[in-house]
Amino acid sequence: MSGRGYGRGRRGTGGPAYCVCPNCGYRVQHTRGVPCLSMRCPNCGTAMMPSF
């Protein structure tokens, strides 16, 4: 039975559901593999933040 634990499966949702601008509140659906902090708000240019 070596290496065959009773794992609990995946625990999280895999990341944030949305990226939100902390400055103006603009919200866009998160794209998997692209960090929210690397995205810029199209309204004001501020770095986006993850929102769960």
C-alpha atoms as a PDB file:
ATOM      1  CA  MET A   1       0.000   0.000   0.000  1.00  0.00           C
ATOM      2  CA  SER A   2       3.009   2.261  -0.295  1.00  0.00           C
ATOM      3  CA  GLY A   3       2.124   5.603  -1.886  1.00  0.00           C
ATOM      4  CA  ARG A   4      -1.635   5.054  -1.925  1.00  0.00           C
ATOM      5  CA  GLY A   5      -3.046   7.380   0.688  1.00  0.00           C
ATOM      6  CA  TYR A   6      -6.652   8.287   1.192  1.00  0.00           C
ATOM      7  CA  GLY A   7      -6.259  11.833  -0.118  1.00  0.00           C
ATOM      8  CA  ARG A   8      -9.108  14.267   0.188  1.00  0.00           C
ATOM      9  CA  GLY A   9      -9.016  15.464  -3.388  1.00  0.00           C
ATOM     10  CA  ARG A  10      -8.752  19.067  -4.442  1.00  0.00           C
ATOM     11  CA  ARG A  11      -9.454  21.519  -1.693  1.00  0.00           C
ATOM     12  CA  GLY A  12      -9.863  24.865  -3.398  1.00  0.00           C
ATOM     13  CA  THR A  13     -11.582  26.366  -6.361  1.00  0.00           C
ATOM     14  CA  GLY A  14      -8.299  26.798  -8.197  1.00  0.00           C
ATOM     15  CA  GLY A  15      -8.039  30.551  -7.813  1.00  0.00           C
ATOM     16  CA  PRO A  16     -10.121  33.678  -7.734  1.00  0.00           C
ATOM     17  CA  ALA A  17     -13.427  33.864  -9.577  1.00  0.00           C
ATOM     18  CA  TYR A  18     -12.965  37.530 -10.520  1.00  0.00           C
ATOM     19  CA  CYS A  19     -10.308  40.207 -10.774  1.00  0.00           C
ATOM     20  CA  VAL A  20     -11.436  43.514  -9.277  1.00  0.00           C
ATOM     21  CA  CYS A  21      -9.966  47.001  -9.474  1.00  0.00           C
ATOM     22  CA  PRO A  22      -9.389  48.327  -5.932  1.00  0.00           C
ATOM     23  CA  ASN A  23      -9.619  51.903  -7.234  1.00  0.00           C
ATOM     24  CA  CYS A  24     -12.838  52.053  -9.289  1.00  0.00           C
ATOM     25  CA  GLY A  25     -14.459  48.652  -8.653  1.00  0.00           C
ATOM     26  CA  TYR A  26     -14.347  47.386 -12.263  1.00  0.00           C
ATOM     27  CA  ARG A  27     -14.740  43.602 -12.275  1.00  0.00           C
ATOM     28  CA  VAL A  28     -13.778  40.999 -14.886  1.00  0.00           C
ATOM     29  CA  GLN A  29     -13.892  37.190 -14.796  1.00  0.00           C
ATOM     30  CA  HIS A  30     -10.503  35.684 -13.943  1.00  0.00           C
ATOM     31  CA  THR A  31      -8.624  33.935 -16.747  1.00  0.00           C
ATOM     32  CA  ARG A  32      -6.917  30.755 -15.568  1.00  0.00           C
ATOM     33  CA  GLY A  33      -3.127  31.022 -15.704  1.00  0.00           C
ATOM     34  CA  VAL A  34      -3.102  34.832 -15.726  1.00  0.00           C
ATOM     35  CA  PRO A  35      -2.450  36.463 -12.334  1.00  0.00           C
ATOM     36  CA  CYS A  36      -4.874  39.277 -11.512  1.00  0.00           C
ATOM     37  CA  LEU A  37      -1.982  41.501 -10.415  1.00  0.00           C
ATOM     38  CA  SER A  38      -0.540  41.368 -13.935  1.00  0.00           C
ATOM     39  CA  MET A  39      -3.771  42.775 -15.402  1.00  0.00           C
ATOM     40  CA  ARG A  40      -4.530  46.500 -15.603  1.00  0.00           C
ATOM     41  CA  CYS A  41      -7.976  48.023 -15.197  1.00  0.00           C
ATOM     42  CA  PRO A  42      -9.248  49.283 -18.573  1.00  0.00           C
ATOM     43  CA  ASN A  43     -10.988  52.211 -16.827  1.00  0.00           C
ATOM     44  CA  CYS A  44      -8.218  53.671 -14.680  1.00  0.00           C
ATOM     45  CA  GLY A  45      -5.029  51.627 -15.269  1.00  0.00           C
ATOM     46  CA  THR A  46      -4.689  50.358 -11.697  1.00  0.00           C
ATOM     47  CA  ALA A  47      -3.430  46.788 -11.100  1.00  0.00           C
ATOM     48  CA  MET A  48      -6.329  44.385 -10.572  1.00  0.00           C
ATOM     49  CA  MET A  49      -6.729  42.346  -7.354  1.00  0.00           C
ATOM     50  CA  PRO A  50      -8.129  38.814  -6.907  1.00  0.00           C
ATOM     51  CA  SER A  51     -11.663  38.470  -5.500  1.00  0.00           C
ATOM     52  CA  PHE A  52     -13.059  35.160  -4.279  1.00  0.00           C
END
